N, C-alpha and C. Protein backbone atom coordinates (compact mmCIF):
# COMPACT_ATOMS: atom_id res chain seq x y z
N MET A 1 69.87 101.28 117.62
CA MET A 1 69.86 100.98 116.03
C MET A 1 69.21 101.65 114.78
N THR A 2 70.42 101.39 113.39
CA THR A 2 71.02 101.32 112.55
C THR A 2 69.16 101.47 111.76
N GLN A 3 70.10 102.07 110.58
CA GLN A 3 69.06 101.60 109.13
C GLN A 3 68.48 100.33 109.36
N GLY A 4 67.00 99.68 109.00
CA GLY A 4 66.68 98.49 108.54
C GLY A 4 67.40 97.99 109.81
N GLY A 5 67.09 97.78 110.95
CA GLY A 5 67.12 97.28 111.69
C GLY A 5 68.32 97.06 112.03
N ILE A 6 69.42 97.05 112.11
CA ILE A 6 70.70 96.77 112.39
C ILE A 6 71.66 97.07 112.82
N GLY A 7 72.54 96.71 114.18
CA GLY A 7 72.71 97.68 114.96
C GLY A 7 73.98 96.42 115.12
N PRO A 8 75.07 96.97 115.60
CA PRO A 8 76.70 96.54 116.10
C PRO A 8 75.22 95.50 117.58
N ARG A 9 76.51 94.60 117.37
CA ARG A 9 76.62 93.12 117.78
C ARG A 9 78.03 93.29 118.82
N ARG A 10 77.76 92.86 119.94
CA ARG A 10 79.42 92.71 120.54
C ARG A 10 79.55 91.30 120.58
N ARG A 11 80.27 91.36 120.40
CA ARG A 11 81.04 90.02 120.49
C ARG A 11 82.42 90.11 121.40
N SER A 12 83.33 88.93 121.43
CA SER A 12 84.67 88.79 122.57
C SER A 12 85.53 88.13 121.15
N VAL A 13 86.67 89.03 121.16
CA VAL A 13 88.15 88.26 120.64
C VAL A 13 88.91 88.79 121.58
N VAL A 14 90.43 87.96 121.32
CA VAL A 14 91.33 87.02 121.96
C VAL A 14 92.61 88.22 121.09
N ILE A 15 93.18 89.23 121.96
CA ILE A 15 94.38 90.53 121.51
C ILE A 15 95.17 90.54 122.21
N ALA A 16 96.93 90.02 122.14
CA ALA A 16 97.94 89.34 122.68
C ALA A 16 97.26 88.63 123.69
N GLY A 17 96.83 87.76 124.04
CA GLY A 17 96.08 87.12 124.96
C GLY A 17 95.04 87.70 125.88
N HIS A 18 94.59 88.64 125.57
CA HIS A 18 93.44 89.54 126.98
C HIS A 18 92.32 89.30 126.18
N ARG A 19 91.32 88.53 126.64
CA ARG A 19 89.92 88.56 126.02
C ARG A 19 89.59 90.29 126.17
N THR A 20 88.70 90.83 124.26
CA THR A 20 88.11 92.40 124.67
C THR A 20 86.44 92.30 124.14
N SER A 21 86.72 93.05 124.18
CA SER A 21 84.86 92.58 122.97
C SER A 21 84.64 94.33 122.66
N VAL A 22 84.12 94.24 121.28
CA VAL A 22 83.63 95.45 120.45
C VAL A 22 82.69 95.35 119.82
N SER A 23 82.29 95.99 119.83
CA SER A 23 80.45 96.39 118.96
C SER A 23 80.39 96.12 117.64
N VAL A 24 80.26 95.30 116.64
CA VAL A 24 80.27 95.41 114.80
C VAL A 24 79.27 95.05 114.02
N GLU A 25 78.46 95.58 113.42
CA GLU A 25 77.46 95.53 112.85
C GLU A 25 77.67 93.85 112.05
N ASP A 26 76.76 93.24 111.82
CA ASP A 26 76.59 92.09 110.99
C ASP A 26 77.39 91.65 110.15
N PRO A 27 77.29 92.81 108.99
CA PRO A 27 78.01 92.47 107.57
C PRO A 27 79.51 92.83 107.37
N PHE A 28 79.47 93.79 108.69
CA PHE A 28 81.33 93.38 108.60
C PHE A 28 81.91 92.69 109.53
N TRP A 29 81.19 92.01 110.20
CA TRP A 29 81.66 90.83 110.98
C TRP A 29 82.00 89.92 110.08
N ASP A 30 80.93 89.74 109.26
CA ASP A 30 81.29 88.59 108.20
C ASP A 30 82.30 88.80 107.23
N GLU A 31 82.39 89.90 106.82
CA GLU A 31 83.11 90.27 106.06
C GLU A 31 85.13 90.15 106.23
N LEU A 32 85.08 90.62 107.70
CA LEU A 32 86.08 89.95 108.05
C LEU A 32 86.71 88.52 108.29
N ARG A 33 85.49 88.05 108.51
CA ARG A 33 85.78 86.93 108.92
C ARG A 33 86.29 86.14 107.14
N ALA A 34 85.48 86.47 106.41
CA ALA A 34 85.97 86.85 104.56
C ALA A 34 87.18 86.62 104.78
N ILE A 35 87.82 87.80 105.27
CA ILE A 35 89.38 88.45 104.69
C ILE A 35 90.20 87.25 105.23
N ALA A 36 89.81 87.05 107.16
CA ALA A 36 90.88 86.00 108.16
C ALA A 36 90.97 85.08 107.16
N ALA A 37 89.72 84.35 106.66
CA ALA A 37 89.42 83.51 105.19
C ALA A 37 91.13 83.50 103.85
N ALA A 38 90.95 84.60 103.64
CA ALA A 38 91.45 84.86 102.45
C ALA A 38 92.82 84.94 102.16
N ARG A 39 93.01 85.62 104.11
CA ARG A 39 95.24 86.34 104.25
C ARG A 39 95.31 84.67 105.13
N GLY A 40 94.79 83.70 105.23
CA GLY A 40 94.89 82.90 106.26
C GLY A 40 94.66 82.65 107.75
N LEU A 41 94.38 83.61 108.27
CA LEU A 41 94.73 84.21 110.06
C LEU A 41 93.22 83.28 110.30
N SER A 42 93.83 83.62 111.37
CA SER A 42 92.92 83.40 112.40
C SER A 42 91.54 84.86 112.24
N LEU A 43 90.83 84.58 112.78
CA LEU A 43 89.91 85.95 112.70
C LEU A 43 90.62 86.70 114.05
N ASN A 44 90.97 85.90 115.31
CA ASN A 44 92.04 87.34 116.18
C ASN A 44 92.68 87.85 116.26
N ARG A 45 93.70 86.46 114.95
CA ARG A 45 95.46 87.54 114.79
C ARG A 45 95.01 88.87 113.71
N LEU A 46 93.81 88.43 112.65
CA LEU A 46 93.96 89.75 112.22
C LEU A 46 93.14 90.77 112.47
N VAL A 47 92.25 90.67 113.70
CA VAL A 47 91.79 92.24 114.73
C VAL A 47 92.91 92.29 115.60
N ALA A 48 94.27 91.25 115.84
CA ALA A 48 95.38 92.32 116.31
C ALA A 48 95.90 92.33 115.72
N GLU A 49 96.82 92.34 113.94
CA GLU A 49 96.82 93.74 112.93
C GLU A 49 96.35 94.54 113.15
N ILE A 50 94.54 94.51 113.47
CA ILE A 50 94.01 95.76 113.05
C ILE A 50 94.16 96.57 114.98
N ASP A 51 94.23 96.02 115.50
CA ASP A 51 94.52 96.56 116.93
C ASP A 51 95.63 97.41 117.07
N ALA A 52 96.96 96.67 116.40
CA ALA A 52 98.25 97.09 116.58
C ALA A 52 98.25 98.91 115.77
N ALA A 53 97.43 98.48 114.76
CA ALA A 53 97.86 99.80 113.21
C ALA A 53 96.61 100.77 113.53
N ARG A 54 95.96 100.78 114.60
CA ARG A 54 94.56 101.58 114.57
C ARG A 54 94.73 102.71 115.98
N ALA A 55 94.22 103.94 115.00
CA ALA A 55 94.12 105.49 115.85
C ALA A 55 93.31 105.92 116.63
N GLY A 56 91.95 104.78 116.18
CA GLY A 56 91.16 105.71 116.77
C GLY A 56 90.66 104.53 117.70
N ALA A 57 89.08 104.29 118.38
CA ALA A 57 88.34 102.51 118.26
C ALA A 57 88.65 101.41 117.28
N LEU A 58 88.46 100.44 118.47
CA LEU A 58 88.82 98.82 117.71
C LEU A 58 87.76 98.99 116.09
N SER A 59 86.42 98.90 117.07
CA SER A 59 85.10 98.85 116.07
C SER A 59 85.63 99.70 114.85
N SER A 60 85.96 101.37 114.97
CA SER A 60 86.01 101.97 113.47
C SER A 60 87.03 100.91 112.61
N ALA A 61 88.18 100.88 113.41
CA ALA A 61 88.93 100.04 112.83
C ALA A 61 89.03 98.92 111.92
N ILE A 62 88.29 98.20 112.31
CA ILE A 62 87.73 96.99 111.63
C ILE A 62 86.46 97.51 110.87
N ARG A 63 85.60 98.02 110.86
CA ARG A 63 85.29 98.75 109.86
C ARG A 63 85.80 99.40 108.49
N LEU A 64 86.72 100.21 109.26
CA LEU A 64 87.67 100.68 108.15
C LEU A 64 88.61 99.91 106.70
N HIS A 65 89.28 98.72 108.34
CA HIS A 65 89.84 97.77 107.28
C HIS A 65 89.03 96.98 106.47
N VAL A 66 87.76 96.79 106.97
CA VAL A 66 86.89 95.82 105.75
C VAL A 66 86.89 96.70 104.62
N LEU A 67 86.07 97.87 104.72
CA LEU A 67 86.54 99.16 103.70
C LEU A 67 86.85 98.74 102.97
N ALA A 68 88.42 99.16 103.64
CA ALA A 68 89.91 99.21 102.38
C ALA A 68 89.92 97.99 101.90
N TRP A 69 89.31 97.36 102.30
CA TRP A 69 89.65 95.48 101.61
C TRP A 69 88.82 95.48 100.75
N LEU A 70 87.50 95.96 101.07
CA LEU A 70 86.92 96.07 99.69
C LEU A 70 86.77 96.38 98.70
N LYS A 71 87.77 97.73 98.53
CA LYS A 71 88.18 99.29 97.23
C LYS A 71 88.80 98.41 96.98
N ARG A 72 89.64 98.00 97.22
CA ARG A 72 90.77 97.19 97.17
C ARG A 72 90.72 95.91 95.89
N ASN A 73 90.22 95.37 96.58
CA ASN A 73 89.48 94.17 96.19
C ASN A 73 88.56 94.07 95.10
N ALA A 74 87.67 95.25 94.54
CA ALA A 74 86.93 95.70 93.97
C ALA A 74 86.96 95.30 92.74
N GLY A 75 85.97 95.02 92.16
CA GLY A 75 85.90 94.71 90.39
C GLY A 75 86.51 93.81 89.38
């Protein structure tokens, strides 16, 4: 578990027609949903975009995507 008792939770997503699971903490998952909504995408479509562009683990790529989005849209 991470600080504050908030650990990653496993969730299922569909990428290119295949179900896979990813472990991401709730705050990142909540922001990912908000990003998808802001862009008019389904959550699965956004995760597929992140998956196509990633260099490392999908869970890390999701966290980095959320961080980059928040930094671009801060202020």
